C-alpha atoms as a PDB file:
ATOM      1  CA  MET A   1      46.717  46.376 111.330  1.00  0.00           C
ATOM      2  CA  LYS A   2      48.620  46.062 114.639  1.00  0.00           C
ATOM      3  CA  ARG A   3      52.380  46.460 114.437  1.00  0.00           C
ATOM      4  CA  LYS A   4      54.300  43.621 115.417  1.00  0.00           C
ATOM      5  CA  LYS A   5      55.822  43.686 118.561  1.00  0.00           C
ATOM      6  CA  PRO A   6      59.735  43.638 118.128  1.00  0.00           C
ATOM      7  CA  ASN A   7      61.538  40.560 119.830  1.00  0.00           C
ATOM      8  CA  GLU A   8      64.397  40.848 122.340  1.00  0.00           C
ATOM      9  CA  LEU A   9      66.887  40.418 119.358  1.00  0.00           C
ATOM     10  CA  ASP A  10      65.208  43.075 117.254  1.00  0.00           C
ATOM     11  CA  ARG A  11      64.993  45.412 120.123  1.00  0.00           C
ATOM     12  CA  ILE A  12      68.657  45.177 120.661  1.00  0.00           C
ATOM     13  CA  ILE A  13      69.610  45.682 117.040  1.00  0.00           C
ATOM     14  CA  GLN A  14      67.452  48.819 116.745  1.00  0.00           C
ATOM     15  CA  ARG A  15      68.906  50.416 119.948  1.00  0.00           C
ATOM     16  CA  ILE A  16      72.514  49.557 118.653  1.00  0.00           C
ATOM     17  CA  ASP A  17      71.341  51.347 115.409  1.00  0.00           C
ATOM     18  CA  VAL A  18      70.059  54.403 117.304  1.00  0.00           C
ATOM     19  CA  ILE A  19      73.181  54.963 119.163  1.00  0.00           C
ATOM     20  CA  GLU A  20      75.527  54.396 115.812  1.00  0.00           C
ATOM     21  CA  LYS A  21      73.427  57.233 114.342  1.00  0.00           C
ATOM     22  CA  LYS A  22      73.742  59.268 117.439  1.00  0.00           C
ATOM     23  CA  ARG A  23      77.785  58.329 117.778  1.00  0.00           C
ATOM     24  CA  PRO A  24      79.108  57.461 114.590  1.00  0.00           C
ATOM     25  CA  SER A  25      82.398  57.071 116.429  1.00  0.00           C
ATOM     26  CA  HIS A  26      81.452  54.246 118.349  1.00  0.00           C
ATOM     27  CA  LYS A  27      80.289  52.346 114.977  1.00  0.00           C
ATOM     28  CA  GLU A  28      82.985  49.703 115.127  1.00  0.00           C
ATOM     29  CA  VAL A  29      82.626  48.715 118.713  1.00  0.00           C
ATOM     30  CA  LEU A  30      78.962  48.435 118.278  1.00  0.00           C
ATOM     31  CA  GLU A  31      79.221  46.238 115.061  1.00  0.00           C
ATOM     32  CA  PHE A  32      81.577  44.089 117.095  1.00  0.00           C
ATOM     33  CA  LEU A  33      78.631  43.708 119.723  1.00  0.00           C
ATOM     34  CA  LYS A  34      76.040  43.381 116.944  1.00  0.00           C
ATOM     35  CA  ASP A  35      77.814  40.227 115.463  1.00  0.00           C
ATOM     36  CA  ILE A  36      78.232  38.857 118.895  1.00  0.00           C
ATOM     37  CA  VAL A  37      74.637  39.457 120.157  1.00  0.00           C
ATOM     38  CA  LYS A  38      73.086  37.852 116.727  1.00  0.00           C
ATOM     39  CA  GLN A  39      75.388  34.884 117.266  1.00  0.00           C
ATOM     40  CA  GLN A  40      73.988  34.422 120.907  1.00  0.00           C
ATOM     41  CA  TYR A  41      70.405  34.742 120.187  1.00  0.00           C
ATOM     42  CA  LYS A  42      70.716  32.119 117.287  1.00  0.00           C
ATOM     43  CA  ILE A  43      72.306  29.605 119.640  1.00  0.00           C
ATOM     44  CA  LYS A  44      69.864  30.444 122.832  1.00  0.00           C
ATOM     45  CA  PRO A  45      67.114  27.881 121.880  1.00  0.00           C
ATOM     46  CA  LEU A  46      69.871  25.008 122.253  1.00  0.00           C
ATOM     47  CA  ILE A  47      70.614  25.709 125.666  1.00  0.00           C
ATOM     48  CA  ASN A  48      69.059  23.703 128.388  1.00  0.00           C
ATOM     49  CA  VAL A  49      70.495  24.363 131.888  1.00  0.00           C
ATOM     50  CA  GLU A  50      70.350  21.678 134.596  1.00  0.00           C
ATOM     51  CA  ALA A  51      67.924  22.308 137.289  1.00  0.00           C
ATOM     52  CA  VAL A  52      69.231  23.936 140.356  1.00  0.00           C
ATOM     53  CA  ASP A  53      68.502  21.899 143.974  1.00  0.00           C
ATOM     54  CA  ILE A  54      67.130  25.058 145.871  1.00  0.00           C
ATOM     55  CA  ASN A  55      63.698  26.118 147.578  1.00  0.00           C
ATOM     56  CA  LYS A  56      62.462  29.176 148.661  1.00  0.00           C
ATOM     57  CA  GLU A  57      63.825  28.843 152.283  1.00  0.00           C
ATOM     58  CA  MET A  58      67.113  27.630 151.387  1.00  0.00           C
ATOM     59  CA  ALA A  59      67.234  30.603 148.712  1.00  0.00           C
ATOM     60  CA  ARG A  60      66.494  33.035 151.733  1.00  0.00           C
ATOM     61  CA  LEU A  61      69.056  31.850 153.995  1.00  0.00           C
ATOM     62  CA  GLN A  62      71.799  32.111 151.178  1.00  0.00           C
ATOM     63  CA  LEU A  63      71.007  35.489 150.385  1.00  0.00           C
ATOM     64  CA  ARG A  64      70.699  36.547 153.950  1.00  0.00           C
ATOM     65  CA  GLU A  65      74.178  34.923 154.640  1.00  0.00           C
ATOM     66  CA  GLY A  66      75.344  37.404 151.528  1.00  0.00           C
ATOM     67  CA  PHE A  67      75.849  34.215 149.117  1.00  0.00           C
ATOM     68  CA  SER A  68      74.449  34.282 145.552  1.00  0.00           C
ATOM     69  CA  LEU A  69      72.117  31.568 144.568  1.00  0.00           C
ATOM     70  CA  ILE A  70      74.696  29.594 142.495  1.00  0.00           C
ATOM     71  CA  ASP A  71      78.461  29.876 142.399  1.00  0.00           C
ATOM     72  CA  LYS A  72      79.852  30.529 138.969  1.00  0.00           C
ATOM     73  CA  LYS A  73      82.248  27.351 139.266  1.00  0.00           C
ATOM     74  CA  ASP A  74      78.685  25.435 139.758  1.00  0.00           C
ATOM     75  CA  ILE A  75      77.426  26.531 136.458  1.00  0.00           C
ATOM     76  CA  LYS A  76      77.179  23.838 134.009  1.00  0.00           C
ATOM     77  CA  LEU A  77      78.451  24.576 130.373  1.00  0.00           C
ATOM     78  CA  ASN A  78      77.702  22.480 127.578  1.00  0.00           C
ATOM     79  CA  MET A  79      81.307  22.555 126.172  1.00  0.00           C
ATOM     80  CA  ASP A  80      80.242  21.757 122.364  1.00  0.00           C
ATOM     81  CA  THR A  81      77.670  24.576 122.524  1.00  0.00           C
ATOM     82  CA  ALA A  82      79.945  27.334 123.844  1.00  0.00           C
ATOM     83  CA  THR A  83      82.836  26.115 121.573  1.00  0.00           C
ATOM     84  CA  THR A  84      80.488  26.382 118.789  1.00  0.00           C
ATOM     85  CA  LEU A  85      79.203  29.756 119.755  1.00  0.00           C
ATOM     86  CA  PHE A  86      82.882  30.933 120.128  1.00  0.00           C
ATOM     87  CA  LYS A  87      83.548  29.805 116.525  1.00  0.00           C
ATOM     88  CA  LYS A  88      80.498  31.245 114.876  1.00  0.00           C
ATOM     89  CA  ILE A  89      81.301  34.891 116.822  1.00  0.00           C
ATOM     90  CA  CYS A  90      84.860  34.384 115.462  1.00  0.00           C
ATOM     91  CA  ARG A  91      83.569  34.050 111.897  1.00  0.00           C
ATOM     92  CA  ALA A  92      81.009  36.507 111.952  1.00  0.00           C
ATOM     93  CA  ILE A  93      83.593  39.259 113.371  1.00  0.00           C
ATOM     94  CA  GLN A  94      86.422  38.338 110.991  1.00  0.00           C
ATOM     95  CA  ARG A  95      84.296  38.596 107.918  1.00  0.00           C
ATOM     96  CA  LYS A  96      83.239  42.227 108.964  1.00  0.00           C
ATOM     97  CA  ASN A  97      85.984  43.739 110.957  1.00  0.00           C
ATOM     98  CA  LYS A  98      89.416  43.890 109.241  1.00  0.00           C
ATOM     99  CA  LYS A  99      91.200  45.541 111.998  1.00  0.00           C
ATOM    100  CA  ILE A 100      90.454  42.562 114.496  1.00  0.00           C
ATOM    101  CA  ALA A 101      90.350  39.729 111.925  1.00  0.00           C
ATOM    102  CA  PRO A 102      93.931  39.181 111.941  1.00  0.00           C
ATOM    103  CA  GLU A 103      93.872  38.798 115.812  1.00  0.00           C
ATOM    104  CA  ILE A 104      91.208  36.308 115.410  1.00  0.00           C
ATOM    105  CA  LYS A 105      93.217  34.442 112.696  1.00  0.00           C
ATOM    106  CA  LYS A 106      96.187  34.180 115.501  1.00  0.00           C
ATOM    107  CA  ILE A 107      93.496  32.700 117.872  1.00  0.00           C
ATOM    108  CA  ASN A 108      92.207  30.021 115.281  1.00  0.00           C
ATOM    109  CA  GLN A 109      95.732  29.037 114.663  1.00  0.00           C
ATOM    110  CA  ALA A 110      96.659  28.792 118.125  1.00  0.00           C
ATOM    111  CA  LEU A 111      93.550  26.373 118.649  1.00  0.00           C
ATOM    112  CA  ARG A 112      94.459  24.525 115.689  1.00  0.00           C
ATOM    113  CA  LYS A 113      97.806  23.964 117.198  1.00  0.00           C
ATOM    114  CA  ASN A 114      96.348  23.022 120.602  1.00  0.00           C
ATOM    115  CA  GLU A 115      98.481  25.986 122.137  1.00  0.00           C
ATOM    116  CA  ILE A 116      95.167  26.935 123.910  1.00  0.00           C
ATOM    117  CA  GLU A 117      92.344  25.188 124.900  1.00  0.00           C
ATOM    118  CA  LEU A 118      88.669  26.691 124.656  1.00  0.00           C
ATOM    119  CA  GLU A 119      87.387  24.122 127.515  1.00  0.00           C
ATOM    120  CA  GLU A 120      90.149  25.250 129.874  1.00  0.00           C
ATOM    121  CA  ILE A 121      89.653  28.753 129.202  1.00  0.00           C
ATOM    122  CA  PHE A 122      85.769  28.552 129.753  1.00  0.00           C
ATOM    123  CA  LYS A 123      86.512  26.456 132.918  1.00  0.00           C
ATOM    124  CA  ARG A 124      89.161  29.262 134.241  1.00  0.00           C
ATOM    125  CA  LEU A 125      86.530  32.173 133.356  1.00  0.00           C
ATOM    126  CA  LEU A 126      84.078  30.575 135.528  1.00  0.00           C
ATOM    127  CA  ALA A 127      86.760  29.907 138.384  1.00  0.00           C
ATOM    128  CA  GLY A 128      87.658  33.541 138.147  1.00  0.00           C
ATOM    129  CA  ASP A 129      91.224  32.260 137.612  1.00  0.00           C
ATOM    130  CA  ASN A 130      92.804  35.458 136.364  1.00  0.00           C
ATOM    131  CA  GLY A 131      96.472  34.472 136.905  1.00  0.00           C
ATOM    132  CA  TYR A 132      95.901  31.627 134.351  1.00  0.00           C
ATOM    133  CA  LEU A 133      93.988  34.111 131.958  1.00  0.00           C
ATOM    134  CA  ASP A 134      96.779  37.046 132.209  1.00  0.00           C
ATOM    135  CA  SER A 135      99.384  34.287 131.283  1.00  0.00           C
ATOM    136  CA  ILE A 136      97.829  33.447 128.111  1.00  0.00           C
ATOM    137  CA  GLY A 137      99.110  36.463 126.286  1.00  0.00           C
ATOM    138  CA  GLU A 138     102.309  36.150 127.683  1.00  0.00           C
ATOM    139  CA  LYS A 139     102.435  32.769 126.618  1.00  0.00           C
ATOM    140  CA  THR A 140     101.013  33.129 123.002  1.00  0.00           C
ATOM    141  CA  GLY A 141     101.220  36.312 122.010  1.00  0.00           C
ATOM    142  CA  LEU A 142      97.767  36.471 121.535  1.00  0.00           C
ATOM    143  CA  ASN A 143      95.508  39.641 122.374  1.00  0.00           C
ATOM    144  CA  LYS A 144      94.289  38.534 125.998  1.00  0.00           C
ATOM    145  CA  TRP A 145      91.396  40.854 126.202  1.00  0.00           C
ATOM    146  CA  LEU A 146      89.912  39.835 122.904  1.00  0.00           C
ATOM    147  CA  LEU A 147      90.425  36.192 123.633  1.00  0.00           C
ATOM    148  CA  ILE A 148      88.720  36.729 126.891  1.00  0.00           C
ATOM    149  CA  SER A 149      85.844  38.797 125.533  1.00  0.00           C
ATOM    150  CA  LEU A 150      85.047  36.301 122.970  1.00  0.00           C
ATOM    151  CA  ALA A 151      85.308  33.340 125.247  1.00  0.00           C
ATOM    152  CA  LYS A 152      82.999  35.151 127.940  1.00  0.00           C
ATOM    153  CA  SER A 153      80.507  36.183 124.996  1.00  0.00           C
ATOM    154  CA  SER A 154      80.228  32.619 124.477  1.00  0.00           C
ATOM    155  CA  ILE A 155      79.243  31.453 128.041  1.00  0.00           C
ATOM    156  CA  ILE A 156      77.202  34.373 128.781  1.00  0.00           C
ATOM    157  CA  PRO A 157      73.869  32.747 127.359  1.00  0.00           C
ATOM    158  CA  PHE A 158      74.470  30.116 129.833  1.00  0.00           C
ATOM    159  CA  PHE A 159      74.371  32.548 132.694  1.00  0.00           C
ATOM    160  CA  GLU A 160      71.660  34.102 131.295  1.00  0.00           C
ATOM    161  CA  ALA A 161      69.418  30.821 131.211  1.00  0.00           C
ATOM    162  CA  TYR A 162      70.606  30.227 134.853  1.00  0.00           C
ATOM    163  CA  ALA A 163      69.205  33.812 135.882  1.00  0.00           C
ATOM    164  CA  ASP A 164      65.957  33.093 134.321  1.00  0.00           C
ATOM    165  CA  ARG A 165      65.368  29.925 136.149  1.00  0.00           C
ATOM    166  CA  LEU A 166      66.545  31.387 139.239  1.00  0.00           C
ATOM    167  CA  LYS A 167      65.499  34.948 139.264  1.00  0.00           C
ATOM    168  CA  GLY A 168      62.112  34.049 141.079  1.00  0.00           C
ATOM    169  CA  TYR A 169      63.924  32.904 144.262  1.00  0.00           C
ATOM    170  CA  VAL A 170      65.485  36.366 144.760  1.00  0.00           C
ATOM    171  CA  GLU A 171      64.160  38.921 147.342  1.00  0.00           C
ATOM    172  CA  LEU A 172      65.576  42.024 146.663  1.00  0.00           C
ATOM    173  CA  GLU A 173      65.081  43.966 149.911  1.00  0.00           C
ATOM    174  CA  PRO A 174      67.503  42.466 152.072  1.00  0.00           C
ATOM    175  CA  TRP A 175      70.219  42.543 149.280  1.00  0.00           C
ATOM    176  CA  PHE A 176      72.363  45.571 149.091  1.00  0.00           C
ATOM    177  CA  ARG A 177      75.567  43.982 148.334  1.00  0.00           C
ATOM    178  CA  SER A 178      78.207  44.515 145.416  1.00  0.00           C
ATOM    179  CA  HIS A 179      77.680  41.366 143.786  1.00  0.00           C
ATOM    180  CA  CYS A 180      75.049  39.689 141.757  1.00  0.00           C
ATOM    181  CA  PRO A 181      72.327  37.829 143.865  1.00  0.00           C
ATOM    182  CA  VAL A 182      71.923  35.093 141.241  1.00  0.00           C
ATOM    183  CA  CYS A 183      75.417  34.354 140.078  1.00  0.00           C
ATOM    184  CA  GLY A 184      77.969  36.414 142.536  1.00  0.00           C
ATOM    185  CA  SER A 185      79.455  38.454 139.592  1.00  0.00           C
ATOM    186  CA  GLU A 186      80.476  42.301 139.701  1.00  0.00           C
ATOM    187  CA  PRO A 187      78.172  44.671 138.331  1.00  0.00           C
ATOM    188  CA  LEU A 188      78.636  46.047 134.564  1.00  0.00           C
ATOM    189  CA  MET A 189      76.591  49.327 134.953  1.00  0.00           C
ATOM    190  CA  GLY A 190      74.199  51.098 137.364  1.00  0.00           C
ATOM    191  CA  GLU A 191      70.746  52.563 136.697  1.00  0.00           C
ATOM    192  CA  LEU A 192      68.771  55.133 138.486  1.00  0.00           C
ATOM    193  CA  ARG A 193      64.910  54.730 138.336  1.00  0.00           C
ATOM    194  CA  THR A 194      61.646  55.810 140.133  1.00  0.00           C
ATOM    195  CA  VAL A 195      60.254  52.778 142.322  1.00  0.00           C
ATOM    196  CA  GLU A 196      56.837  53.048 143.861  1.00  0.00           C
ATOM    197  CA  GLY A 197      57.292  57.077 143.836  1.00  0.00           C
ATOM    198  CA  VAL A 198      60.594  57.146 145.359  1.00  0.00           C
ATOM    199  CA  GLU A 199      63.203  58.998 143.005  1.00  0.00           C
ATOM    200  CA  GLY A 200      66.615  57.976 142.128  1.00  0.00           C
ATOM    201  CA  VAL A 201      66.681  54.420 143.365  1.00  0.00           C
ATOM    202  CA  LYS A 202      69.625  52.657 142.485  1.00  0.00           C
ATOM    203  CA  PHE A 203      70.164  49.387 140.699  1.00  0.00           C
ATOM    204  CA  LEU A 204      73.168  47.462 139.473  1.00  0.00           C
ATOM    205  CA  VAL A 205      73.210  45.301 136.385  1.00  0.00           C
ATOM    206  CA  CYS A 206      75.089  41.994 136.437  1.00  0.00           C
ATOM    207  CA  SER A 207      78.112  41.774 134.025  1.00  0.00           C
ATOM    208  CA  SER A 208      77.504  38.227 133.440  1.00  0.00           C
ATOM    209  CA  CYS A 209      73.585  37.092 133.640  1.00  0.00           C
ATOM    210  CA  SER A 210      72.271  40.508 133.146  1.00  0.00           C
ATOM    211  CA  TYR A 211      70.181  40.351 136.531  1.00  0.00           C
ATOM    212  CA  GLU A 212      69.427  43.909 137.931  1.00  0.00           C
ATOM    213  CA  TRP A 213      69.306  44.486 141.712  1.00  0.00           C
ATOM    214  CA  ARG A 214      68.818  47.025 143.991  1.00  0.00           C
ATOM    215  CA  PHE A 215      72.037  49.010 145.651  1.00  0.00           C
ATOM    216  CA  LYS A 216      72.598  51.601 148.010  1.00  0.00           C
ATOM    217  CA  ARG A 217      72.428  55.072 146.490  1.00  0.00           C
ATOM    218  CA  LEU A 218      75.786  56.309 147.867  1.00  0.00           C
ATOM    219  CA  ALA A 219      78.346  53.565 147.997  1.00  0.00           C
ATOM    220  CA  CYS A 220      80.778  52.124 145.795  1.00  0.00           C
ATOM    221  CA  PRO A 221      79.948  48.789 144.245  1.00  0.00           C
ATOM    222  CA  PHE A 222      83.406  47.543 144.206  1.00  0.00           C
ATOM    223  CA  CYS A 223      85.033  48.326 147.491  1.00  0.00           C
ATOM    224  CA  GLY A 224      81.902  49.491 149.548  1.00  0.00           C
ATOM    225  CA  ASN A 225      83.185  52.688 150.444  1.00  0.00           C
ATOM    226  CA  SER A 226      80.147  54.798 151.572  1.00  0.00           C
ATOM    227  CA  ASN A 227      81.755  57.939 152.533  1.00  0.00           C
ATOM    228  CA  HIS A 228      80.308  60.680 150.574  1.00  0.00           C
ATOM    229  CA  GLU A 229      83.404  62.677 150.529  1.00  0.00           C
ATOM    230  CA  LYS A 230      85.316  60.069 148.600  1.00  0.00           C
ATOM    231  CA  LEU A 231      82.396  59.544 146.019  1.00  0.00           C
ATOM    232  CA  ARG A 232      81.551  61.884 143.144  1.00  0.00           C
ATOM    233  CA  TYR A 233      80.352  61.873 139.619  1.00  0.00           C
ATOM    234  CA  PHE A 234      80.465  63.473 136.416  1.00  0.00           C
ATOM    235  CA  HIS A 235      78.744  63.743 133.164  1.00  0.00           C
ATOM    236  CA  THR A 236      79.550  65.539 130.005  1.00  0.00           C
ATOM    237  CA  ASP A 237      77.578  68.429 128.458  1.00  0.00           C
ATOM    238  CA  ALA A 238      76.681  66.274 125.261  1.00  0.00           C
ATOM    239  CA  ASP A 239      75.141  63.385 127.330  1.00  0.00           C
ATOM    240  CA  GLY A 240      73.528  65.641 130.080  1.00  0.00           C
ATOM    241  CA  LYS A 241      72.303  63.836 133.295  1.00  0.00           C
ATOM    242  CA  ALA A 242      71.131  60.706 131.251  1.00  0.00           C
ATOM    243  CA  TYR A 243      74.631  59.087 131.440  1.00  0.00           C
ATOM    244  CA  ARG A 244      77.115  59.509 134.131  1.00  0.00           C
ATOM    245  CA  VAL A 245      80.147  58.127 135.672  1.00  0.00           C
ATOM    246  CA  ASP A 246      80.290  57.201 139.664  1.00  0.00           C
ATOM    247  CA  VAL A 247      83.869  57.159 140.706  1.00  0.00           C
ATOM    248  CA  CYS A 248      85.390  56.411 143.999  1.00  0.00           C
ATOM    249  CA  GLU A 249      88.386  58.061 145.706  1.00  0.00           C
ATOM    250  CA  GLU A 250      89.047  54.848 147.828  1.00  0.00           C
ATOM    251  CA  CYS A 251      89.627  52.343 145.320  1.00  0.00           C
ATOM    252  CA  LYS A 252      89.952  54.789 141.993  1.00  0.00           C
ATOM    253  CA  LYS A 253      87.440  52.496 140.508  1.00  0.00           C
ATOM    254  CA  TYR A 254      84.280  53.820 138.386  1.00  0.00           C
ATOM    255  CA  ILE A 255      80.920  52.568 137.278  1.00  0.00           C
ATOM    256  CA  LYS A 256      78.752  53.954 134.416  1.00  0.00           C
ATOM    257  CA  THR A 257      75.022  54.899 135.569  1.00  0.00           C
ATOM    258  CA  ILE A 258      72.284  55.537 133.398  1.00  0.00           C
ATOM    259  CA  ASP A 259      69.507  57.763 134.679  1.00  0.00           C
ATOM    260  CA  LEU A 260      66.260  56.066 133.355  1.00  0.00           C
ATOM    261  CA  ARG A 261      64.405  59.032 134.577  1.00  0.00           C
ATOM    262  CA  GLU A 262      66.157  61.260 132.064  1.00  0.00           C
ATOM    263  CA  LEU A 263      66.200  59.078 129.077  1.00  0.00           C
ATOM    264  CA  ARG A 264      62.238  57.633 129.331  1.00  0.00           C
ATOM    265  CA  MET A 265      62.882  55.385 126.768  1.00  0.00           C
ATOM    266  CA  ASP A 266      63.823  51.230 126.510  1.00  0.00           C
ATOM    267  CA  VAL A 267      67.374  50.518 127.282  1.00  0.00           C
ATOM    268  CA  ILE A 268      69.661  47.756 127.061  1.00  0.00           C
ATOM    269  CA  PRO A 269      72.482  47.870 129.312  1.00  0.00           C
ATOM    270  CA  VAL A 270      75.197  46.160 127.425  1.00  0.00           C
ATOM    271  CA  VAL A 271      74.367  48.207 124.560  1.00  0.00           C
ATOM    272  CA  GLU A 272      74.524  51.458 126.571  1.00  0.00           C
ATOM    273  CA  ASP A 273      77.859  50.269 127.755  1.00  0.00           C
ATOM    274  CA  MET A 274      79.205  49.934 124.584  1.00  0.00           C
ATOM    275  CA  GLY A 275      77.423  53.485 123.401  1.00  0.00           C
ATOM    276  CA  THR A 276      79.307  55.217 126.189  1.00  0.00           C
ATOM    277  CA  LEU A 277      82.934  54.348 125.228  1.00  0.00           C
ATOM    278  CA  HIS A 278      83.753  58.115 125.540  1.00  0.00           C
ATOM    279  CA  LEU A 279      83.179  58.207 129.119  1.00  0.00           C
ATOM    280  CA  ASP A 280      85.462  55.277 129.729  1.00  0.00           C
ATOM    281  CA  ILE A 281      88.368  57.116 128.214  1.00  0.00           C
ATOM    282  CA  ILE A 282      87.534  60.261 130.183  1.00  0.00           C
ATOM    283  CA  ALA A 283      87.506  58.101 133.561  1.00  0.00           C
ATOM    284  CA  GLN A 284      90.395  56.214 132.782  1.00  0.00           C
ATOM    285  CA  LYS A 285      92.481  59.359 131.471  1.00  0.00           C
ATOM    286  CA  GLU A 286      91.559  60.777 135.237  1.00  0.00           C
ATOM    287  CA  GLY A 287      93.239  57.621 136.735  1.00  0.00           C
ATOM    288  CA  TYR A 288      90.298  55.672 137.409  1.00  0.00           C
ATOM    289  CA  LYS A 289      89.967  51.975 136.905  1.00  0.00           C
ATOM    290  CA  ARG A 290      86.899  50.200 135.243  1.00  0.00           C
ATOM    291  CA  GLY A 291      85.399  47.861 137.778  1.00  0.00           C
ATOM    292  CA  VAL A 292      85.170  44.714 135.058  1.00  0.00           C
ATOM    293  CA  SER A 293      87.138  44.552 132.129  1.00  0.00           C
ATOM    294  CA  GLY A 294      85.699  46.482 128.958  1.00  0.00           C
ATOM    295  CA  ILE A 295      86.056  47.212 125.226  1.00  0.00           C
ATOM    296  CA  LEU A 296      88.913  49.626 125.751  1.00  0.00           C
ATOM    297  CA  GLU A 297      91.588  46.735 125.933  1.00  0.00           C
ATOM    298  CA  ILE A 298      90.393  45.492 122.792  1.00  0.00           C
ATOM    299  CA  GLU A 299      90.527  49.053 121.206  1.00  0.00           C
ATOM    300  CA  GLU A 300      94.035  48.780 121.665  1.00  0.00           C
ATOM    301  CA  LEU A 301      93.944  46.456 118.469  1.00  0.00           C
ATOM    302  CA  GLU A 302      92.933  49.693 116.613  1.00  0.00           C
ATOM    303  CA  GLU A 303      95.466  52.115 117.661  1.00  0.00           C
END
C-alpha cells in the first residue's frame, strides 16, 4: 500500500515537531506558531480573492520599473473572515499558553470596550502605518508586538491567496530587488540553493505572502549595500553551515539564511524562522536589528 502523501498543513506540523525535539528550548514559540498555522489552514478554504486586473505585458512593465504586482493597500480583505480568524487564533493560544493568555485576555477586553478596532488595525497594517500601530501600546497598555503579530497572522492567508493568483506573472530574471515582486513586502529569510548547476544562488522569502524570489548573493536586502567589506555572516557550531545570519554594517540589520545545500530536506521558512530564535538573540546582542519584526518582541512576555 502506498503511503499517503502529507498535505501542506501536515508537512508544517511535522517540521515543527522535528525542530521541537531538536531544540526543546524553542518549544513554546513553536507551539505558538502551530496554533496559528492550524487556524489559518482551517479558514483558507473560505478565502476568495478578487480578480486582479493585470496581464503579462502590464506585469512585465511593472516589474521592470521596480513595482510589485499588487500594492498591499490594494489587497481586499474580507473583514469578517479576518476577524473570525483573529478570534480563533486568540482562543487557541489562550487555552494552551498560560504565559501569553493574560495578554490575550487584555486584548479581548479592549475589543469589547471598543478601545481598539480590528478592522482599523488590519487597514493600518496594509498601509504600513507604523505610527498608528506604535501608538496602540502607549494608549491602551496592550503588548503591541503581540497584537500586531496576531493581526498579521489573521491577514497572511489573504496575501498568500493573492500570491497564488499572481505568481504566474512574475519573471524572476529581471527582478533582483529587496522587496517582494508580488506584494512589495520585505523578506523574512534568505535561502541558498543550487539552480541549474550554479551553486549558492540566493533567494529571499516574503514575510507576508511567502513568495520566493532571486536576489544578489552579496547585498543587503534592506539597504542595498553591496560593499563586501561591510557585509559578513556568522553561524554557530551547533547549526553548522545550514543556518547562518547575514549582517550589514551599513544599516546594522540582519537576515537569517538557510543553506538548502547543507540541509537536503524539505523546509518551511516560517518554521525555520521560529526554530532559529537563538540566532536572533545572538545577532541582537551584537547590536544588529532584525529587518522585519519577529517573535523576540513577544518573548518579552515570558521574561
